[in-house]
C-alpha atoms as a PDB file:
ATOM      1  CA  MET A   1     -25.106   0.146  37.213  1.00  0.00           C
ATOM      2  CA  ARG A   2     -23.462   3.407  36.111  1.00  0.00           C
ATOM      3  CA  GLN A   3     -24.877   4.621  32.793  1.00  0.00           C
ATOM      4  CA  ASN A   4     -22.528   5.805  30.079  1.00  0.00           C
ATOM      5  CA  PRO A   5     -22.627   9.572  29.510  1.00  0.00           C
ATOM      6  CA  THR A   6     -24.163  10.744  26.241  1.00  0.00           C
ATOM      7  CA  LEU A   7     -24.305  13.982  24.270  1.00  0.00           C
ATOM      8  CA  LYS A   8     -27.908  14.367  25.452  1.00  0.00           C
ATOM      9  CA  LYS A   9     -26.943  14.174  29.135  1.00  0.00           C
ATOM     10  CA  ILE A  10     -24.178  16.726  28.691  1.00  0.00           C
ATOM     11  CA  ALA A  11     -26.594  19.033  26.856  1.00  0.00           C
ATOM     12  CA  GLU A  12     -29.221  18.710  29.600  1.00  0.00           C
ATOM     13  CA  ARG A  13     -26.704  19.488  32.364  1.00  0.00           C
ATOM     14  CA  LEU A  14     -25.578  22.674  30.609  1.00  0.00           C
ATOM     15  CA  ASN A  15     -28.985  23.624  29.161  1.00  0.00           C
ATOM     16  CA  VAL A  16     -27.704  23.681  25.570  1.00  0.00           C
ATOM     17  CA  SER A  17     -28.659  21.730  22.439  1.00  0.00           C
ATOM     18  CA  ILE A  18     -27.176  18.365  21.536  1.00  0.00           C
ATOM     19  CA  SER A  19     -25.823  19.837  18.310  1.00  0.00           C
ATOM     20  CA  THR A  20     -24.008  22.528  20.320  1.00  0.00           C
ATOM     21  CA  VAL A  21     -22.313  19.840  22.428  1.00  0.00           C
ATOM     22  CA  SER A  22     -21.374  17.854  19.348  1.00  0.00           C
ATOM     23  CA  ARG A  23     -19.869  20.860  17.584  1.00  0.00           C
ATOM     24  CA  ALA A  24     -18.005  22.003  20.691  1.00  0.00           C
ATOM     25  CA  LEU A  25     -16.328  18.623  21.065  1.00  0.00           C
ATOM     26  CA  LYS A  26     -15.158  18.960  17.448  1.00  0.00           C
ATOM     27  CA  ASP A  27     -13.826  22.496  18.011  1.00  0.00           C
ATOM     28  CA  HIS A  28     -16.342  24.002  15.599  1.00  0.00           C
ATOM     29  CA  PRO A  29     -15.667  27.755  15.072  1.00  0.00           C
ATOM     30  CA  ASP A  30     -19.359  28.643  15.616  1.00  0.00           C
ATOM     31  CA  ILE A  31     -19.085  27.705  19.311  1.00  0.00           C
ATOM     32  CA  SER A  32     -17.768  30.402  21.639  1.00  0.00           C
ATOM     33  CA  PRO A  33     -14.558  29.631  23.567  1.00  0.00           C
ATOM     34  CA  GLU A  34     -16.387  29.869  26.918  1.00  0.00           C
ATOM     35  CA  THR A  35     -19.178  27.471  25.903  1.00  0.00           C
ATOM     36  CA  GLY A  36     -16.653  25.098  24.365  1.00  0.00           C
ATOM     37  CA  ARG A  37     -14.573  25.112  27.546  1.00  0.00           C
ATOM     38  CA  LYS A  38     -17.578  24.280  29.764  1.00  0.00           C
ATOM     39  CA  ILE A  39     -18.708  21.448  27.498  1.00  0.00           C
ATOM     40  CA  LYS A  40     -15.251  19.881  27.272  1.00  0.00           C
ATOM     41  CA  GLU A  41     -14.718  20.137  31.042  1.00  0.00           C
ATOM     42  CA  LEU A  42     -18.040  18.408  31.735  1.00  0.00           C
ATOM     43  CA  ALA A  43     -17.377  15.760  29.079  1.00  0.00           C
ATOM     44  CA  GLU A  44     -14.015  15.021  30.682  1.00  0.00           C
ATOM     45  CA  LEU A  45     -15.542  14.958  34.166  1.00  0.00           C
ATOM     46  CA  LEU A  46     -18.210  12.494  33.039  1.00  0.00           C
ATOM     47  CA  GLU A  47     -15.599  10.455  31.090  1.00  0.00           C
ATOM     48  CA  TYR A  48     -17.567  10.798  27.882  1.00  0.00           C
ATOM     49  CA  ASP A  49     -16.388   8.698  24.929  1.00  0.00           C
ATOM     50  CA  PRO A  50     -18.020   8.832  21.484  1.00  0.00           C
ATOM     51  CA  ASN A  51     -19.937   5.691  20.544  1.00  0.00           C
ATOM     52  CA  PRO A  52     -17.712   4.157  17.843  1.00  0.00           C
ATOM     53  CA  TYR A  53     -20.615   2.505  16.054  1.00  0.00           C
ATOM     54  CA  ALA A  54     -22.578   5.743  15.953  1.00  0.00           C
ATOM     55  CA  VAL A  55     -19.504   7.488  14.558  1.00  0.00           C
ATOM     56  CA  ASN A  56     -19.144   4.770  11.922  1.00  0.00           C
ATOM     57  CA  LEU A  57     -22.744   5.214  10.833  1.00  0.00           C
ATOM     58  CA  ARG A  58     -22.317   8.963  10.551  1.00  0.00           C
ATOM     59  CA  THR A  59     -18.960   8.983   8.778  1.00  0.00           C
ATOM     60  CA  HIS A  60     -19.453   5.743   6.816  1.00  0.00           C
ATOM     61  CA  SER A  61     -16.005   4.628   7.999  1.00  0.00           C
ATOM     62  CA  SER A  62     -14.465   3.195  11.152  1.00  0.00           C
ATOM     63  CA  ARG A  63     -10.823   4.209  10.477  1.00  0.00           C
ATOM     64  CA  GLU A  64     -10.139   0.542  11.041  1.00  0.00           C
ATOM     65  CA  PHE A  65      -8.541  -1.904   8.627  1.00  0.00           C
ATOM     66  CA  ALA A  66      -9.353  -5.615   8.591  1.00  0.00           C
ATOM     67  CA  ILE A  67      -6.674  -8.209   7.866  1.00  0.00           C
ATOM     68  CA  VAL A  68      -8.019 -11.647   6.964  1.00  0.00           C
ATOM     69  CA  VAL A  69      -5.664 -14.642   6.872  1.00  0.00           C
ATOM     70  CA  PRO A  70      -6.243 -18.413   6.661  1.00  0.00           C
ATOM     71  CA  SER A  71      -4.015 -19.051   9.684  1.00  0.00           C
ATOM     72  CA  LEU A  72      -2.136 -17.168  12.386  1.00  0.00           C
ATOM     73  CA  SER A  73       0.570 -19.835  12.739  1.00  0.00           C
ATOM     74  CA  ASN A  74       2.364 -18.540   9.651  1.00  0.00           C
ATOM     75  CA  PHE A  75       5.445 -16.351  10.236  1.00  0.00           C
ATOM     76  CA  PHE A  76       4.933 -14.681   6.868  1.00  0.00           C
ATOM     77  CA  TYR A  77       1.517 -13.463   7.999  1.00  0.00           C
ATOM     78  CA  HIS A  78       2.908 -12.317  11.346  1.00  0.00           C
ATOM     79  CA  SER A  79       5.434 -10.052   9.634  1.00  0.00           C
ATOM     80  CA  PHE A  80       2.801  -8.847   7.136  1.00  0.00           C
ATOM     81  CA  ILE A  81       0.399  -7.963   9.963  1.00  0.00           C
ATOM     82  CA  GLY A  82       3.149  -6.211  11.925  1.00  0.00           C
ATOM     83  CA  SER A  83       4.039  -4.109   8.898  1.00  0.00           C
ATOM     84  CA  ILE A  84       0.406  -3.085   8.307  1.00  0.00           C
ATOM     85  CA  GLU A  85      -0.036  -2.206  11.988  1.00  0.00           C
ATOM     86  CA  GLU A  86       3.031   0.055  11.928  1.00  0.00           C
ATOM     87  CA  GLU A  87       1.884   1.911   8.821  1.00  0.00           C
ATOM     88  CA  ALA A  88      -1.741   2.164  10.009  1.00  0.00           C
ATOM     89  CA  ARG A  89      -0.706   3.708  13.333  1.00  0.00           C
ATOM     90  CA  ILE A  90       1.153   6.479  11.501  1.00  0.00           C
ATOM     91  CA  TYR A  91      -1.999   7.413   9.576  1.00  0.00           C
ATOM     92  CA  GLY A  92      -4.343   7.183  12.569  1.00  0.00           C
ATOM     93  CA  TYR A  93      -5.937   3.832  11.719  1.00  0.00           C
ATOM     94  CA  SER A  94      -6.346   0.747  13.867  1.00  0.00           C
ATOM     95  CA  VAL A  95      -6.231  -2.883  12.740  1.00  0.00           C
ATOM     96  CA  VAL A  96      -8.461  -5.874  13.481  1.00  0.00           C
ATOM     97  CA  ILE A  97      -7.294  -9.380  12.548  1.00  0.00           C
ATOM     98  CA  TYR A  98      -9.576 -12.197  11.408  1.00  0.00           C
ATOM     99  CA  ARG A  99      -8.710 -15.875  10.878  1.00  0.00           C
ATOM    100  CA  SER A 100     -10.709 -17.698   8.208  1.00  0.00           C
ATOM    101  CA  SER A 101      -9.289 -21.136   9.110  1.00  0.00           C
ATOM    102  CA  ASN A 102      -9.039 -21.683   5.347  1.00  0.00           C
ATOM    103  CA  ASP A 103     -12.848 -22.024   5.279  1.00  0.00           C
ATOM    104  CA  ALA A 104     -14.744 -20.129   2.566  1.00  0.00           C
ATOM    105  CA  LYS A 105     -17.929 -19.981   4.671  1.00  0.00           C
ATOM    106  CA  ILE A 106     -16.099 -18.376   7.588  1.00  0.00           C
ATOM    107  CA  GLU A 107     -14.474 -16.003   5.113  1.00  0.00           C
ATOM    108  CA  GLN A 108     -17.924 -14.891   3.931  1.00  0.00           C
ATOM    109  CA  GLU A 109     -19.055 -14.304   7.525  1.00  0.00           C
ATOM    110  CA  ILE A 110     -15.977 -12.160   8.102  1.00  0.00           C
ATOM    111  CA  LEU A 111     -16.700 -10.075   5.009  1.00  0.00           C
ATOM    112  CA  LYS A 112     -20.263  -9.531   6.209  1.00  0.00           C
ATOM    113  CA  SER A 113     -18.980  -8.401   9.615  1.00  0.00           C
ATOM    114  CA  CYS A 114     -16.500  -6.012   7.974  1.00  0.00           C
ATOM    115  CA  ARG A 115     -19.273  -4.499   5.881  1.00  0.00           C
ATOM    116  CA  HIS A 116     -21.513  -3.967   8.910  1.00  0.00           C
ATOM    117  CA  LYS A 117     -18.649  -2.382  10.861  1.00  0.00           C
ATOM    118  CA  ARG A 118     -17.874  -0.151   7.882  1.00  0.00           C
ATOM    119  CA  VAL A 119     -14.151  -0.876   7.992  1.00  0.00           C
ATOM    120  CA  SER A 120     -12.003   1.489   5.964  1.00  0.00           C
ATOM    121  CA  GLY A 121     -10.456  -1.337   3.948  1.00  0.00           C
ATOM    122  CA  ILE A 122      -9.699  -5.062   3.866  1.00  0.00           C
ATOM    123  CA  PHE A 123      -6.401  -6.898   3.327  1.00  0.00           C
ATOM    124  CA  ILE A 124      -7.085 -10.560   2.602  1.00  0.00           C
ATOM    125  CA  ALA A 125      -5.263 -13.785   1.781  1.00  0.00           C
ATOM    126  CA  ILE A 126      -8.081 -15.951   0.435  1.00  0.00           C
ATOM    127  CA  THR A 127      -8.810 -19.575   1.298  1.00  0.00           C
ATOM    128  CA  SER A 128      -8.078 -22.466  -1.051  1.00  0.00           C
ATOM    129  CA  GLU A 129     -11.875 -22.895  -1.429  1.00  0.00           C
ATOM    130  CA  THR A 130     -12.597 -19.304  -2.516  1.00  0.00           C
ATOM    131  CA  ASP A 131     -13.911 -19.191  -6.070  1.00  0.00           C
ATOM    132  CA  ASP A 132     -16.732 -16.629  -5.990  1.00  0.00           C
ATOM    133  CA  MET A 133     -15.660 -13.001  -6.355  1.00  0.00           C
ATOM    134  CA  GLU A 134     -19.148 -11.501  -6.072  1.00  0.00           C
ATOM    135  CA  SER A 135     -18.963 -10.701  -2.341  1.00  0.00           C
ATOM    136  CA  PHE A 136     -15.579  -9.020  -2.796  1.00  0.00           C
ATOM    137  CA  LEU A 137     -16.804  -6.934  -5.704  1.00  0.00           C
ATOM    138  CA  LYS A 138     -19.771  -5.777  -3.617  1.00  0.00           C
ATOM    139  CA  MET A 139     -17.352  -4.278  -1.090  1.00  0.00           C
ATOM    140  CA  ASP A 140     -16.431  -1.641  -3.643  1.00  0.00           C
ATOM    141  CA  VAL A 141     -20.100  -0.641  -3.868  1.00  0.00           C
ATOM    142  CA  HIS A 142     -19.980   0.039  -0.128  1.00  0.00           C
ATOM    143  CA  GLY A 143     -16.789   2.085  -0.501  1.00  0.00           C
ATOM    144  CA  ILE A 144     -14.552  -0.538   1.123  1.00  0.00           C
ATOM    145  CA  PRO A 145     -11.339  -1.204  -0.858  1.00  0.00           C
ATOM    146  CA  VAL A 146     -10.078  -4.795  -0.901  1.00  0.00           C
ATOM    147  CA  ILE A 147      -6.388  -5.596  -1.313  1.00  0.00           C
ATOM    148  CA  PHE A 148      -5.606  -9.269  -1.968  1.00  0.00           C
ATOM    149  CA  PHE A 149      -2.173 -10.426  -0.848  1.00  0.00           C
ATOM    150  CA  ASP A 150      -0.064 -13.596  -0.933  1.00  0.00           C
ATOM    151  CA  LYS A 151      -2.897 -16.033  -1.707  1.00  0.00           C
ATOM    152  CA  VAL A 152      -4.763 -14.146  -4.398  1.00  0.00           C
ATOM    153  CA  PRO A 153      -7.599 -14.976  -6.842  1.00  0.00           C
ATOM    154  CA  GLN A 154      -7.168 -15.666 -10.549  1.00  0.00           C
ATOM    155  CA  TYR A 155      -9.618 -12.827 -11.247  1.00  0.00           C
ATOM    156  CA  GLU A 156      -7.739 -10.031 -13.012  1.00  0.00           C
ATOM    157  CA  SER A 157      -9.747  -6.882 -12.195  1.00  0.00           C
ATOM    158  CA  CYS A 158      -8.731  -6.537  -8.546  1.00  0.00           C
ATOM    159  CA  ASN A 159      -5.826  -5.205  -6.512  1.00  0.00           C
ATOM    160  CA  LYS A 160      -3.254  -7.924  -5.841  1.00  0.00           C
ATOM    161  CA  ILE A 161       0.028  -7.645  -3.952  1.00  0.00           C
ATOM    162  CA  CYS A 162       2.113 -10.765  -4.465  1.00  0.00           C
ATOM    163  CA  VAL A 163       5.531 -12.104  -3.675  1.00  0.00           C
ATOM    164  CA  GLY A 164       7.592 -13.119  -6.702  1.00  0.00           C
ATOM    165  CA  ASP A 165       6.468 -16.743  -6.609  1.00  0.00           C
ATOM    166  CA  GLU A 166       7.983 -17.736  -9.930  1.00  0.00           C
ATOM    167  CA  HIS A 167      11.167 -15.788  -9.266  1.00  0.00           C
ATOM    168  CA  ALA A 168      11.589 -17.397  -5.832  1.00  0.00           C
ATOM    169  CA  ALA A 169      11.118 -20.871  -7.319  1.00  0.00           C
ATOM    170  CA  LEU A 170      13.588 -20.008 -10.079  1.00  0.00           C
ATOM    171  CA  LEU A 171      16.254 -18.941  -7.564  1.00  0.00           C
ATOM    172  CA  ALA A 172      15.838 -22.146  -5.550  1.00  0.00           C
ATOM    173  CA  ALA A 173      15.980 -24.375  -8.631  1.00  0.00           C
ATOM    174  CA  GLU A 174      19.072 -22.601  -9.969  1.00  0.00           C
ATOM    175  CA  GLU A 175      20.865 -23.079  -6.641  1.00  0.00           C
ATOM    176  CA  ILE A 176      20.140 -26.818  -6.772  1.00  0.00           C
ATOM    177  CA  ILE A 177      21.501 -26.994 -10.317  1.00  0.00           C
ATOM    178  CA  LYS A 178      24.561 -24.991  -9.283  1.00  0.00           C
ATOM    179  CA  LYS A 179      25.277 -27.532  -6.531  1.00  0.00           C
ATOM    180  CA  ASP A 180      24.941 -30.382  -9.074  1.00  0.00           C
ATOM    181  CA  ILE A 181      22.307 -32.277  -7.056  1.00  0.00           C
ATOM    182  CA  PRO A 182      20.681 -35.034  -9.166  1.00  0.00           C
ATOM    183  CA  ASN A 183      17.687 -35.880  -6.938  1.00  0.00           C
ATOM    184  CA  VAL A 184      15.139 -33.496  -5.455  1.00  0.00           C
ATOM    185  CA  LEU A 185      12.137 -34.010  -3.190  1.00  0.00           C
ATOM    186  CA  GLY A 186       9.879 -30.992  -3.698  1.00  0.00           C
ATOM    187  CA  ILE A 187       7.273 -30.439  -0.987  1.00  0.00           C
ATOM    188  CA  PHE A 188       4.550 -28.024  -2.083  1.00  0.00           C
ATOM    189  CA  GLY A 189       1.404 -26.628  -0.479  1.00  0.00           C
ATOM    190  CA  ASP A 190      -2.284 -26.912  -1.285  1.00  0.00           C
ATOM    191  CA  PRO A 191      -2.497 -27.851  -5.007  1.00  0.00           C
ATOM    192  CA  ASN A 192      -5.624 -25.711  -5.449  1.00  0.00           C
ATOM    193  CA  MET A 193      -3.856 -22.455  -4.563  1.00  0.00           C
ATOM    194  CA  SER A 194      -2.475 -20.198  -7.283  1.00  0.00           C
ATOM    195  CA  ILE A 195       0.671 -19.663  -5.199  1.00  0.00           C
ATOM    196  CA  THR A 196       1.374 -23.423  -5.218  1.00  0.00           C
ATOM    197  CA  LYS A 197       0.700 -23.771  -8.928  1.00  0.00           C
ATOM    198  CA  ALA A 198       3.039 -20.902  -9.806  1.00  0.00           C
ATOM    199  CA  ARG A 199       5.903 -22.129  -7.624  1.00  0.00           C
ATOM    200  CA  LEU A 200       5.581 -25.770  -8.695  1.00  0.00           C
ATOM    201  CA  GLN A 201       5.388 -25.027 -12.409  1.00  0.00           C
ATOM    202  CA  LYS A 202       8.425 -22.725 -12.407  1.00  0.00           C
ATOM    203  CA  PHE A 203      10.508 -24.961 -10.135  1.00  0.00           C
ATOM    204  CA  ALA A 204       9.821 -28.087 -12.207  1.00  0.00           C
ATOM    205  CA  THR A 205      10.362 -26.302 -15.532  1.00  0.00           C
ATOM    206  CA  VAL A 206      13.778 -24.943 -14.539  1.00  0.00           C
ATOM    207  CA  LEU A 207      14.984 -28.349 -13.321  1.00  0.00           C
ATOM    208  CA  GLN A 208      13.673 -30.112 -16.441  1.00  0.00           C
ATOM    209  CA  GLN A 209      15.391 -27.649 -18.758  1.00  0.00           C
ATOM    210  CA  ASN A 210      18.750 -28.241 -17.114  1.00  0.00           C
ATOM    211  CA  GLU A 211      21.334 -30.038 -19.262  1.00  0.00           C
ATOM    212  CA  SER A 212      22.006 -32.576 -16.514  1.00  0.00           C
ATOM    213  CA  ALA A 213      18.938 -34.665 -15.760  1.00  0.00           C
ATOM    214  CA  VAL A 214      17.431 -33.948 -12.355  1.00  0.00           C
ATOM    215  CA  HIS A 215      15.012 -36.457 -10.883  1.00  0.00           C
ATOM    216  CA  LEU A 216      12.207 -34.503  -9.187  1.00  0.00           C
ATOM    217  CA  LYS A 217       9.579 -36.078  -6.956  1.00  0.00           C
ATOM    218  CA  THR A 218       6.784 -33.685  -5.916  1.00  0.00           C
ATOM    219  CA  VAL A 219       4.318 -34.078  -3.047  1.00  0.00           C
ATOM    220  CA  HIS A 220       1.774 -31.757  -1.398  1.00  0.00           C
ATOM    221  CA  ALA A 221       1.286 -30.903   2.279  1.00  0.00           C
ATOM    222  CA  ARG A 222      -1.396 -28.581   3.668  1.00  0.00           C
ATOM    223  CA  SER A 223       0.197 -28.160   7.094  1.00  0.00           C
ATOM    224  CA  SER A 224       3.456 -28.438   8.986  1.00  0.00           C
ATOM    225  CA  ALA A 225       2.317 -31.717  10.556  1.00  0.00           C
ATOM    226  CA  GLU A 226       1.478 -33.165   7.157  1.00  0.00           C
ATOM    227  CA  ALA A 227       4.862 -32.061   5.795  1.00  0.00           C
ATOM    228  CA  GLU A 228       6.584 -33.844   8.687  1.00  0.00           C
ATOM    229  CA  LYS A 229       4.589 -37.034   8.093  1.00  0.00           C
ATOM    230  CA  ILE A 230       5.258 -37.072   4.342  1.00  0.00           C
ATOM    231  CA  THR A 231       8.960 -36.353   4.770  1.00  0.00           C
ATOM    232  CA  LEU A 232       9.315 -39.150   7.352  1.00  0.00           C
ATOM    233  CA  SER A 233       7.688 -41.624   4.993  1.00  0.00           C
ATOM    234  CA  LEU A 234       9.771 -40.655   1.951  1.00  0.00           C
ATOM    235  CA  LEU A 235      13.265 -40.182   3.380  1.00  0.00           C
ATOM    236  CA  PRO A 236      14.097 -43.929   3.346  1.00  0.00           C
ATOM    237  CA  GLU A 237      13.676 -43.926  -0.467  1.00  0.00           C
ATOM    238  CA  TRP A 238      16.597 -41.545  -0.790  1.00  0.00           C
ATOM    239  CA  THR A 239      19.073 -43.362   1.456  1.00  0.00           C
ATOM    240  CA  GLY A 240      22.494 -43.547  -0.166  1.00  0.00           C
ATOM    241  CA  LYS A 241      21.602 -40.973  -2.838  1.00  0.00           C
ATOM    242  CA  LYS A 242      22.745 -37.403  -3.257  1.00  0.00           C
ATOM    243  CA  PHE A 243      19.562 -35.400  -2.876  1.00  0.00           C
ATOM    244  CA  ALA A 244      17.961 -32.195  -1.654  1.00  0.00           C
ATOM    245  CA  VAL A 245      14.619 -31.357  -0.072  1.00  0.00           C
ATOM    246  CA  PHE A 246      12.891 -28.236  -1.375  1.00  0.00           C
ATOM    247  CA  CYS A 247      10.173 -26.662   0.813  1.00  0.00           C
ATOM    248  CA  MET A 248       7.897 -24.085  -0.796  1.00  0.00           C
ATOM    249  CA  SER A 249       6.998 -22.302   2.471  1.00  0.00           C
ATOM    250  CA  ASP A 250       8.030 -21.756   6.089  1.00  0.00           C
ATOM    251  CA  GLU A 251       5.228 -23.983   7.334  1.00  0.00           C
ATOM    252  CA  ILE A 252       6.421 -26.873   5.180  1.00  0.00           C
ATOM    253  CA  LEU A 253      10.067 -26.198   6.073  1.00  0.00           C
ATOM    254  CA  ALA A 254       9.314 -26.475   9.807  1.00  0.00           C
ATOM    255  CA  GLY A 255       7.640 -29.862   9.343  1.00  0.00           C
ATOM    256  CA  ALA A 256      10.278 -31.218   6.978  1.00  0.00           C
ATOM    257  CA  MET A 257      13.152 -30.200   9.258  1.00  0.00           C
ATOM    258  CA  LYS A 258      11.487 -31.888  12.216  1.00  0.00           C
ATOM    259  CA  ALA A 259      11.283 -35.121  10.207  1.00  0.00           C
ATOM    260  CA  ILE A 260      14.897 -34.802   9.066  1.00  0.00           C
ATOM    261  CA  GLN A 261      16.071 -34.357  12.649  1.00  0.00           C
ATOM    262  CA  ARG A 262      13.921 -37.248  13.870  1.00  0.00           C
ATOM    263  CA  LYS A 263      15.742 -39.451  11.356  1.00  0.00           C
ATOM    264  CA  GLY A 264      19.085 -38.279  12.734  1.00  0.00           C
ATOM    265  CA  LEU A 265      20.066 -36.604   9.474  1.00  0.00           C
ATOM    266  CA  SER A 266      21.770 -33.244   9.076  1.00  0.00           C
ATOM    267  CA  ALA A 267      22.265 -30.771   6.248  1.00  0.00           C
ATOM    268  CA  PRO A 268      24.429 -30.538   4.246  1.00  0.00           C
ATOM    269  CA  ALA A 269      26.243 -33.723   5.344  1.00  0.00           C
ATOM    270  CA  ASP A 270      23.379 -36.125   4.573  1.00  0.00           C
ATOM    271  CA  LEU A 271      21.179 -34.058   2.285  1.00  0.00           C
ATOM    272  CA  GLY A 272      20.621 -30.554   1.019  1.00  0.00           C
ATOM    273  CA  VAL A 273      17.764 -28.349   2.212  1.00  0.00           C
ATOM    274  CA  ILE A 274      16.499 -25.231   0.474  1.00  0.00           C
ATOM    275  CA  ALA A 275      13.256 -23.307   0.850  1.00  0.00           C
ATOM    276  CA  ILE A 276      11.145 -20.298   0.016  1.00  0.00           C
ATOM    277  CA  SER A 277      10.851 -18.373   3.268  1.00  0.00           C
ATOM    278  CA  ASP A 278      10.124 -15.121   5.050  1.00  0.00           C
ATOM    279  CA  GLY A 279      13.486 -15.584   6.759  1.00  0.00           C
ATOM    280  CA  MET A 280      12.751 -16.471  10.395  1.00  0.00           C
ATOM    281  CA  ILE A 281      12.520 -20.279  10.309  1.00  0.00           C
ATOM    282  CA  PRO A 282      15.835 -20.739   8.406  1.00  0.00           C
ATOM    283  CA  LEU A 283      17.679 -18.916  11.207  1.00  0.00           C
ATOM    284  CA  LEU A 284      16.507 -21.449  13.798  1.00  0.00           C
ATOM    285  CA  PHE A 285      18.795 -24.181  12.438  1.00  0.00           C
ATOM    286  CA  TYR A 286      22.524 -24.714  12.239  1.00  0.00           C
ATOM    287  CA  PRO A 287      23.776 -24.392   9.668  1.00  0.00           C
ATOM    288  CA  GLU A 288      21.185 -21.844   8.605  1.00  0.00           C
ATOM    289  CA  ILE A 289      18.893 -22.882   5.760  1.00  0.00           C
ATOM    290  CA  THR A 290      19.480 -21.409   2.305  1.00  0.00           C
ATOM    291  CA  TYR A 291      16.282 -19.773   1.080  1.00  0.00           C
ATOM    292  CA  ALA A 292      14.673 -17.542  -1.531  1.00  0.00           C
ATOM    293  CA  GLU A 293      13.321 -14.637   0.480  1.00  0.00           C
ATOM    294  CA  THR A 294       9.670 -13.629   0.321  1.00  0.00           C
ATOM    295  CA  SER A 295       9.257 -10.831   2.853  1.00  0.00           C
ATOM    296  CA  GLY A 296       5.910 -10.439   4.602  1.00  0.00           C
ATOM    297  CA  SER A 297       7.061  -7.094   5.968  1.00  0.00           C
ATOM    298  CA  LYS A 298       7.905  -5.689   2.532  1.00  0.00           C
ATOM    299  CA  LEU A 299       4.650  -7.026   1.130  1.00  0.00           C
ATOM    300  CA  GLY A 300       2.756  -5.322   3.971  1.00  0.00           C
ATOM    301  CA  LYS A 301       4.256  -1.937   3.124  1.00  0.00           C
ATOM    302  CA  LEU A 302       3.404  -2.356  -0.556  1.00  0.00           C
ATOM    303  CA  ALA A 303      -0.151  -3.430   0.306  1.00  0.00           C
ATOM    304  CA  PHE A 304      -0.674  -0.497   2.675  1.00  0.00           C
ATOM    305  CA  SER A 305       0.620   1.974   0.085  1.00  0.00           C
ATOM    306  CA  ARG A 306      -1.817   0.577  -2.465  1.00  0.00           C
ATOM    307  CA  MET A 307      -4.668   0.721   0.079  1.00  0.00           C
ATOM    308  CA  MET A 308      -4.060   4.402   0.779  1.00  0.00           C
ATOM    309  CA  ARG A 309      -4.105   5.158  -2.942  1.00  0.00           C
ATOM    310  CA  CYS A 310      -7.452   3.358  -3.225  1.00  0.00           C
ATOM    311  CA  ILE A 311      -8.835   5.375  -0.313  1.00  0.00           C
ATOM    312  CA  ALA A 312      -7.572   8.535  -2.028  1.00  0.00           C
ATOM    313  CA  GLY A 313      -9.615   7.661  -5.108  1.00  0.00           C
ATOM    314  CA  SER A 314      -7.541   5.353  -7.316  1.00  0.00           C
ATOM    315  CA  SER A 315     -10.052   3.151  -9.126  1.00  0.00           C
ATOM    316  CA  PHE A 316      -7.956   0.997 -11.463  1.00  0.00           C
ATOM    317  CA  ALA A 317      -6.933  -2.552 -10.538  1.00  0.00           C
ATOM    318  CA  GLN A 318      -3.238  -3.188 -10.089  1.00  0.00           C
ATOM    319  CA  THR A 319      -1.048  -6.238  -9.508  1.00  0.00           C
ATOM    320  CA  ILE A 320       2.221  -5.510  -7.698  1.00  0.00           C
ATOM    321  CA  ILE A 321       4.918  -8.172  -7.409  1.00  0.00           C
ATOM    322  CA  ASP A 322       7.761  -8.034  -4.899  1.00  0.00           C
ATOM    323  CA  GLU A 323      10.707  -9.938  -6.366  1.00  0.00           C
ATOM    324  CA  SER A 324      12.745 -12.361  -4.248  1.00  0.00           C
ATOM    325  CA  LYS A 325      16.434 -12.665  -3.454  1.00  0.00           C
ATOM    326  CA  LEU A 326      18.528 -15.708  -2.552  1.00  0.00           C
ATOM    327  CA  VAL A 327      19.857 -15.766   1.012  1.00  0.00           C
ATOM    328  CA  VAL A 328      22.698 -18.291   1.223  1.00  0.00           C
ATOM    329  CA  GLY A 329      23.005 -20.393   4.357  1.00  0.00           C
ATOM    330  CA  GLY A 330      24.962 -23.600   4.796  1.00  0.00           C
ATOM    331  CA  SER A 331      22.284 -26.220   4.216  1.00  0.00           C
ATOM    332  CA  ILE A 332      22.976 -27.137   0.603  1.00  0.00           C
END
């Protein structure tokens, strides 16, 4: 088996020191042009590549960012990841993506791996089980900034980049009131997540404070399949009534719309549909779904900007919120 070339082998072939080879490959001014040329030509001939792990140990950084998400089936996360990748490429960083499967133990294993690899920074949407901040705080000791996004902890002294959860819920509730819809089925996500709590509380409060009484029934779904199942079971209760279905995320919207179509119903003829969304899922239906926009791409750019400030030396914790806007379709 062909052995990988090393600095030592290049040095032996040219009868120079290993440090001379290393400095020549970095264009160090102490190395003469002739010696540098010979070393680079031999390195290219032997197809020498620096050992990335050795470089990481020496520089204490991999120039690699880690993105940790609970799931990869979420369009919001896809657009967030794409945005981070675009920004990272500009600054000479690469990106590695980890899926925690919404499991706190897996999340801890990922953090350990990131620490050993000496990643330059971590972007993470935490699991619904995450309640211990100790391992995240230790990252700072190792010089690894952590930026929490979307699903963030309650802990205050950390960098958090969030969508305008309350504002998005407010916009959706106001649109329902504007359309004078008396009955609403609100389908929310994991009740343990801060994002769910914020959206549910604001949505319910706005509807309750309306002069005209709005009957709100709330349920929780942790997946698209669960949202479909719940919607199928509840739709018969609303037969003959004027009502709307509110979905707090793209994942829930996809499941709810599948159930609605399976029942042979259509919006807005039979019911209204409104959601909080990144914007892709609503475009898949006709008429397009009305939604309060929460952009993964915009959040990615904000998160990357904050990460670079942390790398540059910013030490204070900051919470940045990207406000939503209502995108009107024809579903309500």
